Amino acid sequence: MSDNVAKYKIDGHAFKRVAFQHLNLSTTPLFPLHSPGMKRLLSSTALALSLFLLSGCGETKTMRYRATWEDPARASVLIESIERVIVRRLAAMNFMDPAVTVVPENQTSAIVTVKATTSEMQDAVTHIMTDPFSFEMKLETLQAEDWAASEWESTGVDGSNLLWVQALGNKQTMEISMDLEFNDQGKKILEELARTKQGKRLGIFVRDILVSMLTIQSGSFADHVLIGGIPSTTIAEVFADDVNVGTRVSFTPF
């Protein structure tokens, strides 16, 4: 793994370094812990919800959605991840201990049921199920000392090129990392960037928020991107859940 280091922040925690396997990249330190942009990364759902909240309470409503995905081999993992994501996001909005069930229909779909006890909670569930999730890698076209003033253009690598995110742990070194696996199209684009855009910076954007910047130096890209130096397994698993559900699962009310 590369020794290049950077910080990757989620919900107030710093990921100590970002390492790209088989792609020689130098990385730029990211935002301080108090950065408003990074604090919004996992709390953006709660912030956006304020636009939808209504006063007063209503009767309990059972809300049902069909969750669908393409890869049957990921069925059991996704079913567990869906429930964790919904419960966690509702808890972030102060809806504690929600009644959430995810029942598989087959290897590519499941029925999600949430009992919403107030009109506010109904709005929250609707927001969670419809809030768009985005993952993108962009190329910096205008570099500025202040990262907020930089300009970026799409590389074509987005959530559709991301096959899977997995939390990993090394028992010998006790290091925790995340493994990002790309499809053939994503790998082809990143390989071309490594060959033709040396010296340029790549930005990783999640929910339209810049979370990491990397300078392309030289080398070739393999199948995976490894984000290392994560302070806890829980943080890595939360991020993996959010990205996998956000990019792989669709929800349809019925």
C-alpha atoms as a PDB file:
ATOM      1  CA  MET A   1       0.000   0.000   0.000  1.00  0.00           C
ATOM      2  CA  SER A   2       1.239   3.539  -0.714  1.00  0.00           C
ATOM      3  CA  ASP A   3       2.546   5.642   2.170  1.00  0.00           C
ATOM      4  CA  ASN A   4       0.894   8.785   0.797  1.00  0.00           C
ATOM      5  CA  VAL A   5      -1.225  10.395   3.469  1.00  0.00           C
ATOM      6  CA  ALA A   6      -4.284  12.625   3.667  1.00  0.00           C
ATOM      7  CA  LYS A   7      -7.292  13.129   5.893  1.00  0.00           C
ATOM      8  CA  TYR A   8     -10.737  11.882   5.069  1.00  0.00           C
ATOM      9  CA  LYS A   9     -13.430  13.097   7.438  1.00  0.00           C
ATOM     10  CA  ILE A  10     -16.851  11.690   8.166  1.00  0.00           C
ATOM     11  CA  ASP A  11     -19.113  13.045  10.883  1.00  0.00           C
ATOM     12  CA  GLY A  12     -16.338  14.805  12.780  1.00  0.00           C
ATOM     13  CA  HIS A  13     -13.798  11.955  12.583  1.00  0.00           C
ATOM     14  CA  ALA A  14     -10.518  12.133  10.661  1.00  0.00           C
ATOM     15  CA  PHE A  15      -9.423   9.238   8.488  1.00  0.00           C
ATOM     16  CA  LYS A  16      -5.657   9.541   8.812  1.00  0.00           C
ATOM     17  CA  ARG A  17      -4.630   8.619   5.319  1.00  0.00           C
ATOM     18  CA  VAL A  18      -5.878   7.698   1.878  1.00  0.00           C
ATOM     19  CA  ALA A  19      -3.879   5.187  -0.145  1.00  0.00           C
ATOM     20  CA  PHE A  20      -4.588   4.301  -3.776  1.00  0.00           C
ATOM     21  CA  GLN A  21      -3.400   0.789  -4.572  1.00  0.00           C
ATOM     22  CA  HIS A  22      -1.153   0.646  -7.646  1.00  0.00           C
ATOM     23  CA  LEU A  23      -1.727   4.344  -8.384  1.00  0.00           C
ATOM     24  CA  ASN A  24       1.056   6.666  -7.228  1.00  0.00           C
ATOM     25  CA  LEU A  25      -0.752   9.651  -5.748  1.00  0.00           C
ATOM     26  CA  SER A  26       0.354  12.365  -3.381  1.00  0.00           C
ATOM     27  CA  THR A  27      -2.447  13.697  -1.239  1.00  0.00           C
ATOM     28  CA  THR A  28      -3.419  17.063   0.180  1.00  0.00           C
ATOM     29  CA  PRO A  29      -4.534  17.528   3.807  1.00  0.00           C
ATOM     30  CA  LEU A  30      -8.234  18.189   4.010  1.00  0.00           C
ATOM     31  CA  PHE A  31     -10.463  20.317   6.137  1.00  0.00           C
ATOM     32  CA  PRO A  32      -9.999  20.817   9.906  1.00  0.00           C
ATOM     33  CA  LEU A  33     -12.253  18.930  12.293  1.00  0.00           C
ATOM     34  CA  HIS A  34     -14.589  21.890  12.644  1.00  0.00           C
ATOM     35  CA  SER A  35     -15.144  22.153   8.885  1.00  0.00           C
ATOM     36  CA  PRO A  36     -18.840  22.872   8.230  1.00  0.00           C
ATOM     37  CA  GLY A  37     -18.705  21.073   4.906  1.00  0.00           C
ATOM     38  CA  MET A  38     -17.448  17.846   6.389  1.00  0.00           C
ATOM     39  CA  LYS A  39     -19.852  17.960   9.316  1.00  0.00           C
ATOM     40  CA  ARG A  40     -22.603  17.996   6.705  1.00  0.00           C
ATOM     41  CA  LEU A  41     -21.379  14.786   5.052  1.00  0.00           C
ATOM     42  CA  LEU A  42     -23.376  12.304   7.123  1.00  0.00           C
ATOM     43  CA  SER A  43     -25.707  14.864   8.722  1.00  0.00           C
ATOM     44  CA  SER A  44     -26.941  16.414   5.451  1.00  0.00           C
ATOM     45  CA  THR A  45     -30.082  14.322   5.616  1.00  0.00           C
ATOM     46  CA  ALA A  46     -30.958  15.820   8.984  1.00  0.00           C
ATOM     47  CA  LEU A  47     -30.214  19.352   7.818  1.00  0.00           C
ATOM     48  CA  ALA A  48     -32.300  19.032   4.675  1.00  0.00           C
ATOM     49  CA  LEU A  49     -35.161  17.559   6.661  1.00  0.00           C
ATOM     50  CA  SER A  50     -35.831  20.909   8.321  1.00  0.00           C
ATOM     51  CA  LEU A  51     -37.307  22.085   5.041  1.00  0.00           C
ATOM     52  CA  PHE A  52     -39.991  19.422   5.265  1.00  0.00           C
ATOM     53  CA  LEU A  53     -40.966  19.283   8.935  1.00  0.00           C
ATOM     54  CA  LEU A  54     -44.572  20.006   9.866  1.00  0.00           C
ATOM     55  CA  SER A  55     -45.923  20.796  13.298  1.00  0.00           C
ATOM     56  CA  GLY A  56     -48.207  18.462  15.234  1.00  0.00           C
ATOM     57  CA  CYS A  57     -48.588  14.727  15.538  1.00  0.00           C
ATOM     58  CA  GLY A  58     -50.701  12.276  13.634  1.00  0.00           C
ATOM     59  CA  GLU A  59     -51.720   8.670  13.811  1.00  0.00           C
ATOM     60  CA  THR A  60     -49.173   5.928  13.287  1.00  0.00           C
ATOM     61  CA  LYS A  61     -48.731   5.187   9.619  1.00  0.00           C
ATOM     62  CA  THR A  62     -47.153   2.030   8.224  1.00  0.00           C
ATOM     63  CA  MET A  63     -44.941   3.029   5.307  1.00  0.00           C
ATOM     64  CA  ARG A  64     -43.854   0.344   2.844  1.00  0.00           C
ATOM     65  CA  TYR A  65     -41.175   0.427   0.173  1.00  0.00           C
ATOM     66  CA  ARG A  66     -39.786  -2.167  -2.192  1.00  0.00           C
ATOM     67  CA  ALA A  67     -35.995  -2.143  -2.171  1.00  0.00           C
ATOM     68  CA  THR A  68     -34.318  -3.497  -5.313  1.00  0.00           C
ATOM     69  CA  TRP A  69     -30.727  -4.126  -6.388  1.00  0.00           C
ATOM     70  CA  GLU A  70     -28.980  -5.943  -9.224  1.00  0.00           C
ATOM     71  CA  ASP A  71     -26.418  -8.262  -7.637  1.00  0.00           C
ATOM     72  CA  PRO A  72     -28.026 -11.344  -6.028  1.00  0.00           C
ATOM     73  CA  ALA A  73     -24.718 -12.276  -4.405  1.00  0.00           C
ATOM     74  CA  ARG A  74     -24.957  -9.140  -2.222  1.00  0.00           C
ATOM     75  CA  ALA A  75     -28.519  -9.825  -1.045  1.00  0.00           C
ATOM     76  CA  SER A  76     -27.891 -10.792   2.576  1.00  0.00           C
ATOM     77  CA  VAL A  77     -25.379  -7.989   3.161  1.00  0.00           C
ATOM     78  CA  LEU A  78     -27.599  -5.351   1.568  1.00  0.00           C
ATOM     79  CA  ILE A  79     -30.677  -6.414   3.540  1.00  0.00           C
ATOM     80  CA  GLU A  80     -28.791  -5.911   6.798  1.00  0.00           C
ATOM     81  CA  SER A  81     -27.258  -2.654   5.571  1.00  0.00           C
ATOM     82  CA  ILE A  82     -30.622  -1.196   4.540  1.00  0.00           C
ATOM     83  CA  GLU A  83     -32.045  -1.638   8.040  1.00  0.00           C
ATOM     84  CA  ARG A  84     -28.948  -0.159   9.698  1.00  0.00           C
ATOM     85  CA  VAL A  85     -28.958   2.873   7.389  1.00  0.00           C
ATOM     86  CA  ILE A  86     -32.638   3.673   7.959  1.00  0.00           C
ATOM     87  CA  VAL A  87     -32.422   3.235  11.742  1.00  0.00           C
ATOM     88  CA  ARG A  88     -29.261   5.351  11.935  1.00  0.00           C
ATOM     89  CA  ARG A  89     -30.637   8.174   9.797  1.00  0.00           C
ATOM     90  CA  LEU A  90     -33.870   8.294  11.750  1.00  0.00           C
ATOM     91  CA  ALA A  91     -31.912   8.362  15.008  1.00  0.00           C
ATOM     92  CA  ALA A  92     -29.879  11.296  13.653  1.00  0.00           C
ATOM     93  CA  MET A  93     -33.206  13.118  13.283  1.00  0.00           C
ATOM     94  CA  ASN A  94     -34.147  12.289  16.902  1.00  0.00           C
ATOM     95  CA  PHE A  95     -36.540   9.454  16.020  1.00  0.00           C
ATOM     96  CA  MET A  96     -35.162   6.841  18.389  1.00  0.00           C
ATOM     97  CA  ASP A  97     -35.837   3.089  18.331  1.00  0.00           C
ATOM     98  CA  PRO A  98     -37.932   3.146  15.137  1.00  0.00           C
ATOM     99  CA  ALA A  99     -39.842   0.016  14.116  1.00  0.00           C
ATOM    100  CA  VAL A 100     -38.068  -0.949  10.883  1.00  0.00           C
ATOM    101  CA  THR A 101     -38.231  -4.349   9.203  1.00  0.00           C
ATOM    102  CA  VAL A 102     -36.635  -5.538   5.981  1.00  0.00           C
ATOM    103  CA  VAL A 103     -38.061  -8.797   4.637  1.00  0.00           C
ATOM    104  CA  PRO A 104     -36.491 -10.385   1.532  1.00  0.00           C
ATOM    105  CA  GLU A 105     -38.758 -11.224  -1.413  1.00  0.00           C
ATOM    106  CA  ASN A 106     -36.004 -12.842  -3.468  1.00  0.00           C
ATOM    107  CA  GLN A 107     -32.293 -12.355  -4.136  1.00  0.00           C
ATOM    108  CA  THR A 108     -32.740  -8.906  -5.691  1.00  0.00           C
ATOM    109  CA  SER A 109     -35.564  -7.302  -3.700  1.00  0.00           C
ATOM    110  CA  ALA A 110     -36.978  -6.859  -0.217  1.00  0.00           C
ATOM    111  CA  ILE A 111     -39.960  -5.184   1.451  1.00  0.00           C
ATOM    112  CA  VAL A 112     -39.058  -2.374   3.849  1.00  0.00           C
ATOM    113  CA  THR A 113     -41.657  -1.449   6.473  1.00  0.00           C
ATOM    114  CA  VAL A 114     -41.391   1.562   8.783  1.00  0.00           C
ATOM    115  CA  LYS A 115     -44.001   2.519  11.386  1.00  0.00           C
ATOM    116  CA  ALA A 116     -44.065   6.322  11.469  1.00  0.00           C
ATOM    117  CA  THR A 117     -45.685   7.607  14.664  1.00  0.00           C
ATOM    118  CA  THR A 118     -45.897  11.301  13.722  1.00  0.00           C
ATOM    119  CA  SER A 119     -46.283  13.399  10.600  1.00  0.00           C
ATOM    120  CA  GLU A 120     -42.709  14.610  11.152  1.00  0.00           C
ATOM    121  CA  MET A 121     -41.486  11.040  11.127  1.00  0.00           C
ATOM    122  CA  GLN A 122     -43.450  10.316   7.963  1.00  0.00           C
ATOM    123  CA  ASP A 123     -41.696  13.235   6.280  1.00  0.00           C
ATOM    124  CA  ALA A 124     -38.359  11.945   7.578  1.00  0.00           C
ATOM    125  CA  VAL A 125     -38.913   8.460   6.147  1.00  0.00           C
ATOM    126  CA  THR A 126     -39.979   9.892   2.787  1.00  0.00           C
ATOM    127  CA  HIS A 127     -36.898  12.081   2.759  1.00  0.00           C
ATOM    128  CA  ILE A 128     -34.559   9.189   3.565  1.00  0.00           C
ATOM    129  CA  MET A 129     -36.021   7.018   0.819  1.00  0.00           C
ATOM    130  CA  THR A 130     -35.951   9.743  -1.843  1.00  0.00           C
ATOM    131  CA  ASP A 131     -32.851  11.760  -0.887  1.00  0.00           C
ATOM    132  CA  PRO A 132     -30.413  11.333  -3.802  1.00  0.00           C
ATOM    133  CA  PHE A 133     -27.000   9.888  -2.976  1.00  0.00           C
ATOM    134  CA  SER A 134     -24.046  10.834  -5.142  1.00  0.00           C
ATOM    135  CA  PHE A 135     -20.447   9.672  -5.394  1.00  0.00           C
ATOM    136  CA  GLU A 136     -18.139  11.324  -7.929  1.00  0.00           C
ATOM    137  CA  MET A 137     -14.478  11.723  -8.730  1.00  0.00           C
ATOM    138  CA  LYS A 138     -13.707  15.075 -10.353  1.00  0.00           C
ATOM    139  CA  LEU A 139     -10.626  16.646 -11.938  1.00  0.00           C
ATOM    140  CA  GLU A 140      -9.514  20.066 -10.726  1.00  0.00           C
ATOM    141  CA  THR A 141      -9.449  22.581 -13.580  1.00  0.00           C
ATOM    142  CA  LEU A 142      -8.597  25.711 -11.590  1.00  0.00           C
ATOM    143  CA  GLN A 143      -6.424  25.283  -8.510  1.00  0.00           C
ATOM    144  CA  ALA A 144      -6.717  27.750  -5.664  1.00  0.00           C
ATOM    145  CA  GLU A 145      -5.016  28.042  -2.290  1.00  0.00           C
ATOM    146  CA  ASP A 146      -8.454  28.018  -0.724  1.00  0.00           C
ATOM    147  CA  TRP A 147      -9.951  24.627  -1.627  1.00  0.00           C
ATOM    148  CA  ALA A 148     -13.425  26.179  -1.750  1.00  0.00           C
ATOM    149  CA  ALA A 149     -12.333  28.386  -4.657  1.00  0.00           C
ATOM    150  CA  SER A 150     -11.067  25.528  -6.832  1.00  0.00           C
ATOM    151  CA  GLU A 151     -13.052  24.539  -9.905  1.00  0.00           C
ATOM    152  CA  TRP A 152     -13.761  20.945 -10.869  1.00  0.00           C
ATOM    153  CA  GLU A 153     -15.005  18.998 -13.867  1.00  0.00           C
ATOM    154  CA  SER A 154     -16.434  15.516 -14.080  1.00  0.00           C
ATOM    155  CA  THR A 155     -14.115  12.629 -14.918  1.00  0.00           C
ATOM    156  CA  GLY A 156     -17.041  10.349 -15.657  1.00  0.00           C
ATOM    157  CA  VAL A 157     -16.348   8.228 -12.561  1.00  0.00           C
ATOM    158  CA  ASP A 158     -19.450   8.178 -10.358  1.00  0.00           C
ATOM    159  CA  GLY A 159     -21.574   5.851  -8.273  1.00  0.00           C
ATOM    160  CA  SER A 160     -22.462   3.751 -11.310  1.00  0.00           C
ATOM    161  CA  ASN A 161     -18.778   2.777 -11.597  1.00  0.00           C
ATOM    162  CA  LEU A 162     -18.484   1.792  -7.946  1.00  0.00           C
ATOM    163  CA  LEU A 163     -19.120  -1.924  -7.494  1.00  0.00           C
ATOM    164  CA  TRP A 164     -18.719  -2.233  -3.749  1.00  0.00           C
ATOM    165  CA  VAL A 165     -17.284  -0.659  -0.597  1.00  0.00           C
ATOM    166  CA  GLN A 166     -16.050  -2.904   2.202  1.00  0.00           C
ATOM    167  CA  ALA A 167     -14.517  -2.253   5.614  1.00  0.00           C
ATOM    168  CA  LEU A 168     -11.284  -4.210   6.140  1.00  0.00           C
ATOM    169  CA  GLY A 169      -9.159  -4.917   9.189  1.00  0.00           C
ATOM    170  CA  ASN A 170      -5.589  -6.166   9.462  1.00  0.00           C
ATOM    171  CA  LYS A 171      -5.177  -8.291  12.609  1.00  0.00           C
ATOM    172  CA  GLN A 172      -1.395  -8.040  12.489  1.00  0.00           C
ATOM    173  CA  THR A 173      -1.086  -4.267  12.075  1.00  0.00           C
ATOM    174  CA  MET A 174      -4.496  -3.443  13.623  1.00  0.00           C
ATOM    175  CA  GLU A 175      -5.012  -1.041  10.716  1.00  0.00           C
ATOM    176  CA  ILE A 176      -8.576  -0.414   9.516  1.00  0.00           C
ATOM    177  CA  SER A 177      -9.255   0.526   5.914  1.00  0.00           C
ATOM    178  CA  MET A 178     -11.988   0.680   3.312  1.00  0.00           C
ATOM    179  CA  ASP A 179     -11.780  -1.083  -0.024  1.00  0.00           C
ATOM    180  CA  LEU A 180     -13.478   0.624  -2.983  1.00  0.00           C
ATOM    181  CA  GLU A 181     -13.944  -1.638  -6.010  1.00  0.00           C
ATOM    182  CA  PHE A 182     -14.636  -0.182  -9.469  1.00  0.00           C
ATOM    183  CA  ASN A 183     -16.081  -1.729 -12.603  1.00  0.00           C
ATOM    184  CA  ASP A 184     -14.228  -1.968 -15.914  1.00  0.00           C
ATOM    185  CA  GLN A 185     -15.405   1.451 -17.107  1.00  0.00           C
ATOM    186  CA  GLY A 186     -14.295   3.130 -13.893  1.00  0.00           C
ATOM    187  CA  LYS A 187     -10.916   1.389 -13.977  1.00  0.00           C
ATOM    188  CA  LYS A 188     -10.399   2.443 -17.604  1.00  0.00           C
ATOM    189  CA  ILE A 189     -11.097   6.097 -16.813  1.00  0.00           C
ATOM    190  CA  LEU A 190      -8.809   6.127 -13.767  1.00  0.00           C
ATOM    191  CA  GLU A 191      -6.057   4.394 -15.736  1.00  0.00           C
ATOM    192  CA  GLU A 192      -6.307   7.078 -18.433  1.00  0.00           C
ATOM    193  CA  LEU A 193      -6.185   9.844 -15.825  1.00  0.00           C
ATOM    194  CA  ALA A 194      -3.056   8.324 -14.308  1.00  0.00           C
ATOM    195  CA  ARG A 195      -1.437   8.287 -17.739  1.00  0.00           C
ATOM    196  CA  THR A 196      -2.457  11.707 -19.060  1.00  0.00           C
ATOM    197  CA  LYS A 197      -3.154  13.980 -16.079  1.00  0.00           C
ATOM    198  CA  GLN A 198       0.010  13.760 -14.014  1.00  0.00           C
ATOM    199  CA  GLY A 199       0.298  16.695 -11.633  1.00  0.00           C
ATOM    200  CA  LYS A 200      -3.443  17.322 -11.634  1.00  0.00           C
ATOM    201  CA  ARG A 201      -5.592  16.868  -8.547  1.00  0.00           C
ATOM    202  CA  LEU A 202      -8.552  14.536  -8.217  1.00  0.00           C
ATOM    203  CA  GLY A 203     -11.370  15.280  -5.821  1.00  0.00           C
ATOM    204  CA  ILE A 204     -13.662  12.686  -4.267  1.00  0.00           C
ATOM    205  CA  PHE A 205     -17.169  14.072  -3.737  1.00  0.00           C
ATOM    206  CA  VAL A 206     -19.867  12.402  -1.642  1.00  0.00           C
ATOM    207  CA  ARG A 207     -23.321  14.033  -1.680  1.00  0.00           C
ATOM    208  CA  ASP A 208     -21.684  16.893  -3.630  1.00  0.00           C
ATOM    209  CA  ILE A 209     -19.257  17.570  -0.749  1.00  0.00           C
ATOM    210  CA  LEU A 210     -15.509  17.451  -1.408  1.00  0.00           C
ATOM    211  CA  VAL A 211     -14.067  14.914   1.040  1.00  0.00           C
ATOM    212  CA  SER A 212     -10.601  14.156  -0.366  1.00  0.00           C
ATOM    213  CA  MET A 213      -8.074  15.606  -2.820  1.00  0.00           C
ATOM    214  CA  LEU A 214      -5.296  13.609  -4.463  1.00  0.00           C
ATOM    215  CA  THR A 215      -2.495  14.650  -6.814  1.00  0.00           C
ATOM    216  CA  ILE A 216      -1.838  12.287  -9.713  1.00  0.00           C
ATOM    217  CA  GLN A 217       1.878  11.598 -10.083  1.00  0.00           C
ATOM    218  CA  SER A 218       2.409   8.413 -12.095  1.00  0.00           C
ATOM    219  CA  GLY A 219       1.635   4.740 -12.185  1.00  0.00           C
ATOM    220  CA  SER A 220      -1.230   2.476 -13.142  1.00  0.00           C
ATOM    221  CA  PHE A 221      -4.576   1.733 -11.588  1.00  0.00           C
ATOM    222  CA  ALA A 222      -5.699  -1.730 -10.508  1.00  0.00           C
ATOM    223  CA  ASP A 223      -9.134  -2.905  -9.412  1.00  0.00           C
ATOM    224  CA  HIS A 224      -9.429  -1.247  -6.025  1.00  0.00           C
ATOM    225  CA  VAL A 225      -8.931   1.952  -4.060  1.00  0.00           C
ATOM    226  CA  LEU A 226      -7.895   1.526  -0.434  1.00  0.00           C
ATOM    227  CA  ILE A 227      -8.661   4.209   2.158  1.00  0.00           C
ATOM    228  CA  GLY A 228      -6.497   3.418   5.178  1.00  0.00           C
ATOM    229  CA  GLY A 229      -5.790   4.671   8.666  1.00  0.00           C
ATOM    230  CA  ILE A 230      -9.441   4.793   9.726  1.00  0.00           C
ATOM    231  CA  PRO A 231      -9.724   5.207  13.521  1.00  0.00           C
ATOM    232  CA  SER A 232     -12.445   2.604  14.128  1.00  0.00           C
ATOM    233  CA  THR A 233     -14.163  -0.312  12.454  1.00  0.00           C
ATOM    234  CA  THR A 234     -17.532   1.288  13.210  1.00  0.00           C
ATOM    235  CA  ILE A 235     -16.736   4.392  11.152  1.00  0.00           C
ATOM    236  CA  ALA A 236     -15.597   2.273   8.203  1.00  0.00           C
ATOM    237  CA  GLU A 237     -18.707   0.077   8.389  1.00  0.00           C
ATOM    238  CA  VAL A 238     -21.055   3.093   8.621  1.00  0.00           C
ATOM    239  CA  PHE A 239     -19.502   4.632   5.516  1.00  0.00           C
ATOM    240  CA  ALA A 240     -19.596   1.325   3.632  1.00  0.00           C
ATOM    241  CA  ASP A 241     -23.280   0.864   4.521  1.00  0.00           C
ATOM    242  CA  ASP A 242     -24.196   4.365   3.373  1.00  0.00           C
ATOM    243  CA  VAL A 243     -22.316   4.181   0.079  1.00  0.00           C
ATOM    244  CA  ASN A 244     -23.414   0.641  -0.802  1.00  0.00           C
ATOM    245  CA  VAL A 245     -27.086   1.328  -0.056  1.00  0.00           C
ATOM    246  CA  GLY A 246     -26.911   4.782  -1.635  1.00  0.00           C
ATOM    247  CA  THR A 247     -25.384   3.599  -4.898  1.00  0.00           C
ATOM    248  CA  ARG A 248     -26.774   0.067  -5.201  1.00  0.00           C
ATOM    249  CA  VAL A 249     -30.349   0.132  -3.845  1.00  0.00           C
ATOM    250  CA  SER A 250     -33.510   1.784  -5.183  1.00  0.00           C
ATOM    251  CA  PHE A 251     -36.646   2.309  -3.090  1.00  0.00           C
ATOM    252  CA  THR A 252     -40.182   2.392  -4.518  1.00  0.00           C
ATOM    253  CA  PRO A 253     -43.237   3.134  -2.306  1.00  0.00           C
ATOM    254  CA  PHE A 254     -46.294   0.896  -2.587  1.00  0.00           C
END
